[in-house]
Structure formats: C-alpha cells, structure tokens
C-alpha atoms as a PDB file:
ATOM      1  CA  MET A   1       2.564 -20.169 -13.887  1.00  0.00           C
ATOM      2  CA  ALA A   2       2.780 -23.744 -14.759  1.00  0.00           C
ATOM      3  CA  SER A   3       1.489 -25.991 -11.991  1.00  0.00           C
ATOM      4  CA  SER A   4       3.673 -28.857 -13.233  1.00  0.00           C
ATOM      5  CA  THR A   5       6.659 -27.058 -11.735  1.00  0.00           C
ATOM      6  CA  ALA A   6       5.124 -26.615  -8.305  1.00  0.00           C
ATOM      7  CA  THR A   7       6.968 -29.532  -6.716  1.00  0.00           C
ATOM      8  CA  GLN A   8      10.284 -28.413  -8.077  1.00  0.00           C
ATOM      9  CA  GLN A   9       9.712 -24.934  -6.872  1.00  0.00           C
ATOM     10  CA  MET A  10       8.885 -26.091  -3.369  1.00  0.00           C
ATOM     11  CA  GLN A  11      11.873 -28.345  -3.229  1.00  0.00           C
ATOM     12  CA  ARG A  12      14.130 -25.539  -4.433  1.00  0.00           C
ATOM     13  CA  ALA A  13      12.617 -23.022  -1.869  1.00  0.00           C
ATOM     14  CA  SER A  14      13.083 -25.601   0.971  1.00  0.00           C
ATOM     15  CA  LEU A  15      16.744 -25.987   0.048  1.00  0.00           C
ATOM     16  CA  GLU A  16      17.339 -22.277  -0.539  1.00  0.00           C
ATOM     17  CA  GLY A  17      15.729 -21.550   2.827  1.00  0.00           C
ATOM     18  CA  LEU A  18      18.305 -23.636   4.495  1.00  0.00           C
ATOM     19  CA  GLN A  19      21.158 -22.093   2.541  1.00  0.00           C
ATOM     20  CA  LEU A  20      19.916 -18.539   3.629  1.00  0.00           C
ATOM     21  CA  PHE A  21      20.004 -19.550   7.334  1.00  0.00           C
ATOM     22  CA  LYS A  22      23.703 -19.046   7.869  1.00  0.00           C
ATOM     23  CA  PRO A  23      24.121 -15.696   6.079  1.00  0.00           C
ATOM     24  CA  PHE A  24      21.025 -14.337   7.663  1.00  0.00           C
ATOM     25  CA  LEU A  25      21.978 -15.506  11.114  1.00  0.00           C
ATOM     26  CA  LYS A  26      25.444 -14.119  10.754  1.00  0.00           C
ATOM     27  CA  THR A  27      24.141 -10.613   9.888  1.00  0.00           C
ATOM     28  CA  SER A  28      21.116 -10.612  12.279  1.00  0.00           C
ATOM     29  CA  ILE A  29      22.118 -12.589  15.290  1.00  0.00           C
ATOM     30  CA  TYR A  30      21.979  -9.798  17.888  1.00  0.00           C
ATOM     31  CA  THR A  31      18.597  -8.645  16.689  1.00  0.00           C
ATOM     32  CA  LEU A  32      17.215 -12.213  16.649  1.00  0.00           C
ATOM     33  CA  ALA A  33      18.740 -12.840  20.119  1.00  0.00           C
ATOM     34  CA  GLY A  34      16.948  -9.824  21.435  1.00  0.00           C
ATOM     35  CA  ILE A  35      13.647 -10.829  20.047  1.00  0.00           C
ATOM     36  CA  TRP A  36      14.012 -14.494  21.358  1.00  0.00           C
ATOM     37  CA  ILE A  37      15.155 -13.573  24.899  1.00  0.00           C
ATOM     38  CA  GLY A  38      12.462 -11.011  25.214  1.00  0.00           C
ATOM     39  CA  SER A  39       9.767 -13.515  24.138  1.00  0.00           C
ATOM     40  CA  PHE A  40      11.200 -16.375  26.244  1.00  0.00           C
ATOM     41  CA  LEU A  41      11.174 -14.235  29.390  1.00  0.00           C
ATOM     42  CA  LEU A  42       7.637 -13.072  28.861  1.00  0.00           C
ATOM     43  CA  ASN A  43       6.486 -16.659  28.229  1.00  0.00           C
ATOM     44  CA  GLN A  44       8.230 -17.869  31.257  1.00  0.00           C
ATOM     45  CA  MET A  45       6.622 -15.219  33.315  1.00  0.00           C
ATOM     46  CA  ALA A  46       3.111 -16.264  31.933  1.00  0.00           C
ATOM     47  CA  HIS A  47       3.838 -19.921  32.634  1.00  0.00           C
ATOM     48  CA  GLU A  48       4.723 -19.094  36.247  1.00  0.00           C
ATOM     49  CA  MET A  49       1.500 -17.120  36.539  1.00  0.00           C
ATOM     50  CA  MET A  50      -0.457 -20.023  35.257  1.00  0.00           C
ATOM     51  CA  ALA A  51       1.297 -22.474  37.647  1.00  0.00           C
ATOM     52  CA  GLU A  52       0.503 -20.298  40.554  1.00  0.00           C
ATOM     53  CA  THR A  53      -3.280 -19.916  39.841  1.00  0.00           C
ATOM     54  CA  ARG A  54      -3.846 -23.448  38.291  1.00  0.00           C
ATOM     55  CA  SER A  55      -6.208 -24.515  41.139  1.00  0.00           C
ATOM     56  CA  ALA A  56      -8.407 -21.384  40.338  1.00  0.00           C
ATOM     57  CA  GLY A  57      -8.777 -22.221  36.744  1.00  0.00           C
ATOM     58  CA  PRO A  58      -7.268 -20.667  33.473  1.00  0.00           C
ATOM     59  CA  ASN A  59      -5.473 -17.516  34.009  1.00  0.00           C
ATOM     60  CA  LEU A  60      -6.685 -15.306  31.240  1.00  0.00           C
ATOM     61  CA  TYR A  61      -4.086 -12.627  31.894  1.00  0.00           C
ATOM     62  CA  ALA A  62      -1.330 -15.026  31.372  1.00  0.00           C
ATOM     63  CA  ILE A  63      -2.943 -16.511  28.242  1.00  0.00           C
ATOM     64  CA  GLY A  64      -3.178 -12.961  26.984  1.00  0.00           C
ATOM     65  CA  VAL A  65       0.486 -12.297  27.602  1.00  0.00           C
ATOM     66  CA  MET A  66       1.473 -15.453  25.719  1.00  0.00           C
ATOM     67  CA  ALA A  67      -0.782 -14.646  22.839  1.00  0.00           C
ATOM     68  CA  LEU A  68       0.307 -11.012  22.589  1.00  0.00           C
ATOM     69  CA  THR A  69       3.961 -12.235  22.723  1.00  0.00           C
ATOM     70  CA  GLU A  70       3.452 -14.663  19.879  1.00  0.00           C
ATOM     71  CA  VAL A  71       1.608 -11.948  17.726  1.00  0.00           C
ATOM     72  CA  THR A  72       4.472  -9.436  18.454  1.00  0.00           C
ATOM     73  CA  VAL A  73       7.339 -11.878  17.679  1.00  0.00           C
ATOM     74  CA  SER A  74       5.634 -12.925  14.443  1.00  0.00           C
ATOM     75  CA  PHE A  75       5.097  -9.329  13.412  1.00  0.00           C
ATOM     76  CA  LEU A  76       8.632  -8.420  14.056  1.00  0.00           C
ATOM     77  CA  LEU A  77       9.985 -11.286  12.200  1.00  0.00           C
ATOM     78  CA  LEU A  78       7.686 -10.431   9.185  1.00  0.00           C
ATOM     79  CA  LEU A  79       9.115  -6.966   9.241  1.00  0.00           C
ATOM     80  CA  LEU A  80      12.750  -7.979   9.668  1.00  0.00           C
ATOM     81  CA  ILE A  81      13.363 -11.114   7.702  1.00  0.00           C
ATOM     82  CA  PRO A  82      12.012 -10.350   4.163  1.00  0.00           C
ATOM     83  CA  LYS A  83      13.578  -6.928   4.119  1.00  0.00           C
ATOM     84  CA  ARG A  84      16.987  -7.997   5.363  1.00  0.00           C
ATOM     85  CA  LEU A  85      17.069 -10.996   2.980  1.00  0.00           C
ATOM     86  CA  TRP A  86      16.087  -8.645   0.087  1.00  0.00           C
ATOM     87  CA  GLU A  87      18.951  -6.388   0.807  1.00  0.00           C
ATOM     88  CA  LEU A  88      21.327  -9.157   1.338  1.00  0.00           C
ATOM     89  CA  ARG A  89      20.328 -10.519  -2.083  1.00  0.00           C
ATOM     90  CA  HIS A  90      21.185  -7.077  -3.570  1.00  0.00           C
ATOM     91  CA  ARG A  91      24.350  -6.650  -1.565  1.00  0.00           C
ATOM     92  CA  ARG A  92      22.973  -3.444   0.039  1.00  0.00           C
ATOM     93  CA  PRO A  93      23.286  -2.054   3.477  1.00  0.00           C
ATOM     94  CA  LEU A  94      21.009  -3.866   5.921  1.00  0.00           C
ATOM     95  CA  PRO A  95      18.306  -1.855   7.622  1.00  0.00           C
ATOM     96  CA  THR A  96      17.828  -1.890  11.386  1.00  0.00           C
ATOM     97  CA  LEU A  97      14.622  -3.416  12.857  1.00  0.00           C
ATOM     98  CA  GLY A  98      13.695   0.056  14.086  1.00  0.00           C
ATOM     99  CA  LYS A  99      14.104   1.576  10.709  1.00  0.00           C
ATOM    100  CA  VAL A 100      12.044  -1.149   8.997  1.00  0.00           C
ATOM    101  CA  THR A 101       9.440  -0.840  11.789  1.00  0.00           C
ATOM    102  CA  SER A 102       8.992   2.898  11.404  1.00  0.00           C
ATOM    103  CA  GLN A 103       8.917   2.637   7.649  1.00  0.00           C
ATOM    104  CA  TYR A 104       6.680  -0.363   7.022  1.00  0.00           C
ATOM    105  CA  SER A 105       4.734  -1.330  10.219  1.00  0.00           C
ATOM    106  CA  LYS A 106       1.635   0.771   9.501  1.00  0.00           C
ATOM    107  CA  ASP A 107       1.249  -0.506   5.895  1.00  0.00           C
ATOM    108  CA  LEU A 108       1.889  -4.098   7.058  1.00  0.00           C
ATOM    109  CA  ALA A 109      -0.502  -3.796   9.998  1.00  0.00           C
ATOM    110  CA  ALA A 110      -3.191  -2.381   7.586  1.00  0.00           C
ATOM    111  CA  GLU A 111      -2.727  -5.219   5.037  1.00  0.00           C
ATOM    112  CA  LEU A 112      -2.771  -7.901   7.770  1.00  0.00           C
ATOM    113  CA  MET A 113      -5.985  -6.479   9.091  1.00  0.00           C
ATOM    114  CA  ARG A 114      -7.400  -6.860   5.638  1.00  0.00           C
ATOM    115  CA  VAL A 115      -6.130 -10.366   5.453  1.00  0.00           C
ATOM    116  CA  THR A 116      -7.477 -11.345   8.843  1.00  0.00           C
ATOM    117  CA  ALA A 117     -10.901  -9.763   8.079  1.00  0.00           C
ATOM    118  CA  GLY A 118     -11.117 -11.650   4.849  1.00  0.00           C
ATOM    119  CA  VAL A 119     -10.007 -14.964   6.448  1.00  0.00           C
ATOM    120  CA  VAL A 120     -12.486 -14.580   9.405  1.00  0.00           C
ATOM    121  CA  VAL A 121     -15.481 -13.830   6.989  1.00  0.00           C
ATOM    122  CA  GLY A 122     -14.292 -17.009   5.004  1.00  0.00           C
ATOM    123  CA  PHE A 123     -14.328 -19.186   8.064  1.00  0.00           C
ATOM    124  CA  VAL A 124     -17.619 -17.879   9.155  1.00  0.00           C
ATOM    125  CA  MET A 125     -19.124 -18.727   5.707  1.00  0.00           C
ATOM    126  CA  LEU A 126     -17.946 -22.317   5.346  1.00  0.00           C
ATOM    127  CA  VAL A 127     -14.444 -22.578   6.990  1.00  0.00           C
ATOM    128  CA  VAL A 128     -12.921 -23.814   3.642  1.00  0.00           C
ATOM    129  CA  PRO A 129     -12.970 -20.299   1.975  1.00  0.00           C
ATOM    130  CA  GLY A 130     -11.193 -18.907   5.046  1.00  0.00           C
ATOM    131  CA  PHE A 131      -8.399 -21.378   4.723  1.00  0.00           C
ATOM    132  CA  ILE A 132      -8.183 -20.821   0.942  1.00  0.00           C
ATOM    133  CA  ARG A 133      -7.926 -17.106   1.382  1.00  0.00           C
ATOM    134  CA  ALA A 134      -5.234 -17.395   4.078  1.00  0.00           C
ATOM    135  CA  ILE A 135      -3.208 -19.583   1.537  1.00  0.00           C
ATOM    136  CA  ARG A 136      -3.643 -17.222  -1.377  1.00  0.00           C
ATOM    137  CA  TRP A 137      -2.489 -14.197   0.730  1.00  0.00           C
ATOM    138  CA  THR A 138       0.688 -15.917   1.949  1.00  0.00           C
ATOM    139  CA  PHE A 139       2.933 -13.286   0.137  1.00  0.00           C
ATOM    140  CA  VAL A 140       1.096 -10.131   1.256  1.00  0.00           C
ATOM    141  CA  PRO A 141       3.978  -9.143   3.833  1.00  0.00           C
ATOM    142  CA  HIS A 142       6.600  -9.594   1.076  1.00  0.00           C
ATOM    143  CA  ILE A 143       4.664  -7.504  -1.288  1.00  0.00           C
ATOM    144  CA  VAL A 144       4.213  -4.747   1.395  1.00  0.00           C
ATOM    145  CA  LEU A 145       7.961  -4.763   2.100  1.00  0.00           C
ATOM    146  CA  LEU A 146       9.501  -5.402  -1.181  1.00  0.00           C
ATOM    147  CA  ASP A 147       7.317  -4.485  -4.059  1.00  0.00           C
ATOM    148  CA  ASP A 148       8.014  -1.059  -5.603  1.00  0.00           C
ATOM    149  CA  THR A 149       4.670  -1.125  -7.606  1.00  0.00           C
ATOM    150  CA  TYR A 150       2.866  -1.596  -4.303  1.00  0.00           C
ATOM    151  CA  ALA A 151       4.832   1.172  -2.664  1.00  0.00           C
ATOM    152  CA  ASN A 152       3.776   3.500  -5.537  1.00  0.00           C
ATOM    153  CA  GLY A 153       0.088   2.740  -4.867  1.00  0.00           C
ATOM    154  CA  LYS A 154      -0.385   0.857  -8.169  1.00  0.00           C
ATOM    155  CA  ARG A 155      -0.841  -2.638  -6.849  1.00  0.00           C
ATOM    156  CA  ASP A 156      -3.150  -4.462  -4.519  1.00  0.00           C
ATOM    157  CA  ALA A 157      -1.212  -6.780  -2.212  1.00  0.00           C
ATOM    158  CA  LEU A 158      -3.895  -9.277  -1.766  1.00  0.00           C
ATOM    159  CA  LYS A 159      -4.749  -9.666  -5.437  1.00  0.00           C
ATOM    160  CA  TYR A 160      -1.170  -9.885  -6.394  1.00  0.00           C
ATOM    161  CA  SER A 161      -0.456 -12.470  -3.695  1.00  0.00           C
ATOM    162  CA  ALA A 162      -3.257 -14.534  -5.098  1.00  0.00           C
ATOM    163  CA  GLU A 163      -1.604 -14.423  -8.443  1.00  0.00           C
ATOM    164  CA  LEU A 164       1.714 -15.443  -7.169  1.00  0.00           C
ATOM    165  CA  THR A 165       0.283 -18.429  -5.420  1.00  0.00           C
ATOM    166  CA  GLN A 166      -1.605 -19.804  -8.364  1.00  0.00           C
ATOM    167  CA  GLY A 167      -0.474 -23.393  -8.888  1.00  0.00           C
ATOM    168  CA  ILE A 168       1.020 -23.927  -5.459  1.00  0.00           C
ATOM    169  CA  GLY A 169      -1.953 -23.603  -3.173  1.00  0.00           C
ATOM    170  CA  TRP A 170      -1.864 -27.324  -2.237  1.00  0.00           C
ATOM    171  CA  TRP A 171       1.858 -27.101  -1.396  1.00  0.00           C
ATOM    172  CA  LEU A 172       1.416 -24.054   0.736  1.00  0.00           C
ATOM    173  CA  GLY A 173      -1.452 -25.748   2.511  1.00  0.00           C
ATOM    174  CA  ALA A 174       0.710 -28.761   3.271  1.00  0.00           C
ATOM    175  CA  ILE A 175       3.615 -26.569   4.435  1.00  0.00           C
ATOM    176  CA  TRP A 176       1.265 -24.736   6.699  1.00  0.00           C
ATOM    177  CA  LEU A 177       0.008 -27.873   8.186  1.00  0.00           C
ATOM    178  CA  LEU A 178       3.524 -29.290   8.636  1.00  0.00           C
ATOM    179  CA  PHE A 179       4.626 -26.007  10.428  1.00  0.00           C
ATOM    180  CA  THR A 180       1.488 -26.068  12.682  1.00  0.00           C
ATOM    181  CA  LEU A 181       2.103 -29.804  13.680  1.00  0.00           C
ATOM    182  CA  VAL A 182       5.735 -29.102  14.494  1.00  0.00           C
ATOM    183  CA  ASP A 183       4.797 -26.020  16.616  1.00  0.00           C
ATOM    184  CA  LEU A 184       2.259 -28.126  18.486  1.00  0.00           C
ATOM    185  CA  ALA A 185       4.596 -30.789  19.064  1.00  0.00           C
ATOM    186  CA  LEU A 186       7.324 -28.508  20.380  1.00  0.00           C
ATOM    187  CA  TYR A 187       4.659 -26.802  22.597  1.00  0.00           C
ATOM    188  CA  ASN A 188       3.604 -30.133  24.141  1.00  0.00           C
ATOM    189  CA  ILE A 189       7.184 -31.269  24.593  1.00  0.00           C
ATOM    190  CA  GLU A 190       7.938 -28.043  26.430  1.00  0.00           C
ATOM    191  CA  ILE A 191       4.792 -28.402  28.642  1.00  0.00           C
ATOM    192  CA  PHE A 192       4.991 -32.100  29.352  1.00  0.00           C
ATOM    193  CA  GLY A 193       8.712 -32.433  29.212  1.00  0.00           C
ATOM    194  CA  GLU A 194       9.071 -30.109  32.279  1.00  0.00           C
ATOM    195  CA  SER A 195       7.444 -32.781  34.423  1.00  0.00           C
ATOM    196  CA  LEU A 196      10.284 -35.162  33.598  1.00  0.00           C
ATOM    197  CA  VAL A 197      12.985 -32.772  34.866  1.00  0.00           C
ATOM    198  CA  PRO A 198      14.212 -33.925  38.342  1.00  0.00           C
ATOM    199  CA  GLY A 199      12.812 -31.762  41.027  1.00  0.00           C
ATOM    200  CA  SER A 200      16.174 -30.716  42.181  1.00  0.00           C
ATOM    201  CA  TRP A 201      17.035 -29.294  38.779  1.00  0.00           C
ATOM    202  CA  PRO A 202      15.968 -25.913  37.383  1.00  0.00           C
ATOM    203  CA  VAL A 203      13.324 -26.201  34.580  1.00  0.00           C
ATOM    204  CA  TRP A 204      14.333 -23.114  32.659  1.00  0.00           C
ATOM    205  CA  PRO A 205      17.292 -24.597  30.727  1.00  0.00           C
ATOM    206  CA  PHE A 206      14.884 -27.293  29.278  1.00  0.00           C
ATOM    207  CA  ALA A 207      12.256 -24.667  28.523  1.00  0.00           C
ATOM    208  CA  ALA A 208      14.914 -22.363  26.941  1.00  0.00           C
ATOM    209  CA  ALA A 209      16.294 -25.208  24.668  1.00  0.00           C
ATOM    210  CA  ILE A 210      12.775 -26.030  23.398  1.00  0.00           C
ATOM    211  CA  SER A 211      11.983 -22.353  22.953  1.00  0.00           C
ATOM    212  CA  LEU A 212      15.110 -21.796  21.016  1.00  0.00           C
ATOM    213  CA  ILE A 213      14.453 -24.725  18.688  1.00  0.00           C
ATOM    214  CA  SER A 214      10.906 -23.415  18.178  1.00  0.00           C
ATOM    215  CA  PHE A 215      12.242 -19.898  17.359  1.00  0.00           C
ATOM    216  CA  ALA A 216      14.859 -21.274  14.962  1.00  0.00           C
ATOM    217  CA  PHE A 217      12.147 -23.272  13.163  1.00  0.00           C
ATOM    218  CA  MET A 218       9.998 -20.062  12.938  1.00  0.00           C
ATOM    219  CA  VAL A 219      12.878 -18.213  11.415  1.00  0.00           C
ATOM    220  CA  TYR A 220      13.400 -21.041   8.866  1.00  0.00           C
ATOM    221  CA  SER A 221       9.731 -20.889   7.723  1.00  0.00           C
ATOM    222  CA  HIS A 222      10.214 -17.130   6.966  1.00  0.00           C
ATOM    223  CA  LEU A 223      13.371 -17.955   4.949  1.00  0.00           C
ATOM    224  CA  LEU A 224      11.477 -20.653   3.050  1.00  0.00           C
ATOM    225  CA  TYR A 225       8.580 -18.440   2.191  1.00  0.00           C
ATOM    226  CA  PHE A 226      10.985 -15.570   1.109  1.00  0.00           C
ATOM    227  CA  ALA A 227      12.844 -18.073  -1.178  1.00  0.00           C
ATOM    228  CA  LEU A 228       9.541 -19.226  -2.651  1.00  0.00           C
ATOM    229  CA  TYR A 229       8.448 -15.579  -3.107  1.00  0.00           C
ATOM    230  CA  VAL A 230      11.617 -14.833  -5.101  1.00  0.00           C
ATOM    231  CA  ILE A 231      11.128 -18.093  -7.190  1.00  0.00           C
ATOM    232  CA  ARG A 232       7.522 -17.110  -8.031  1.00  0.00           C
ATOM    233  CA  LEU A 233       8.669 -13.558  -8.987  1.00  0.00           C
ATOM    234  CA  GLY A 234      11.054 -15.164 -11.365  1.00  0.00           C
ATOM    235  CA  ASN A 235       8.186 -16.823 -13.221  1.00  0.00           C
ATOM    236  CA  THR A 236       6.531 -13.373 -13.677  1.00  0.00           C
ATOM    237  CA  GLY A 237       9.786 -11.830 -14.953  1.00  0.00           C
ATOM    238  CA  GLU A 238       9.719  -9.318 -12.045  1.00  0.00           C
ATOM    239  CA  ALA A 239      12.384 -10.802  -9.945  1.00  0.00           C
ATOM    240  CA  LYS A 240      15.420  -8.380  -9.520  1.00  0.00           C
END
C-alpha cells in the first residue's frame, strides 16, 4: 500500500463519511434515537447523583454509571454501523441491532479484549508501543463483522488490521487526537455551560443539545472509519 496516497485516502474517507451520514441516518434513525435517549437519560441520572453528593467528594457509583454507559454505547455502535453500512453498500436487507448483537457480540468482545490487553501491555512498557498498537488495530471491529475469511477462522483480525493500516498510521493518530479533543471540548461545554443557564430555566435542553451533537460526531467517526476501511480493502483487491 503506497504511503504516498495516504493523504488522498484520508480526504476521500472524510468526504465519503459525510456522504454516508444521510442514507445511514434515514435507515437507522429509530435505532440510533433509542441508543442516544437511553445514554442521555443514564448520564443525566449520573450527573444528578454527582451534584447531590458533591460536598462528600467524587461519587464513584455515578462515575461508574457514566463509564459503563459510554462503553455500552461505543460497543453498540461498533456492532450496528459497520454491518449496516456494508449491507447498504451491497443493497441487501439491513440487520436489526438485536440480530447483529446475537451473531457478532461474542467475537467482537473477544477481539476487543485482545486489543485492550495488547494496548495495556504496550502502555506499561513505554506508553508509545500501546498507542501504536491501538492505531494498528483500528479496523479489528470491521474485520470481525465484515470479513468472510475471518469468519471462516482463516485470518487473525489483529494482524490483518495491522496490514491494512500500514502507511496511514500517522493519519489515524491525527484523526484519533482530533476526535479526542472534540469530545473533551463538548464535555467541558456541557459541564461548564450549564452554569450559564439562568436559574429559572431547565438545564436539560442545553445538556440534551450538547449530548446530541456529541453523539452525531461519534456516529460520523464510525462512518469515516468504515469508508477508510473500504478504501484500504480496495488497495488489497479484496473490496466487494
């Protein structure tokens, strides 16, 4: 895979990710709405718990609820988005979230545990190796969900993801950093912005608006990674 085309590939993936937003939203709006509403309500409950116990110090239970909610939402989107986009691409019936979950959740969870273990070991070693591994294994969820060779037990998801990311590692790192900064910015806007809401006004509409923007940005990040995965497959001749 020629590294000289990395910039063009990232530009193309960014544009195609935007183009995928409308058709994906059109076919998945109810499922996405359910995921977002559930996560928003749980996070609001956690915020209220933290506000009530602020004088007593950090509320570990509330923090745990927020962390578990974030992990669950990320896992559900990892299951839903690549598979639905793949079927949309091939003009096939779209699977429900329940069907995808029952069929792929065990394999995806197992591979993500391998990724997490490898990244943690890398960070314990010298930090940098952990970050490099995380970048190299970007496409592991896509391989688990979409790759027939993996499904037949003839391909290692981590090794193949490392092959697909050759030549675009710096770009993937930059994208990860950008997404992280945007997430942190939105989180801080939500937390500190609430203090600017007049006392007589309800806070939840402001929190809901920021949460929805954050959720939409998260969905877009998945669309971009899917588009990039398909582009990289095209370089190997395996794109369908």
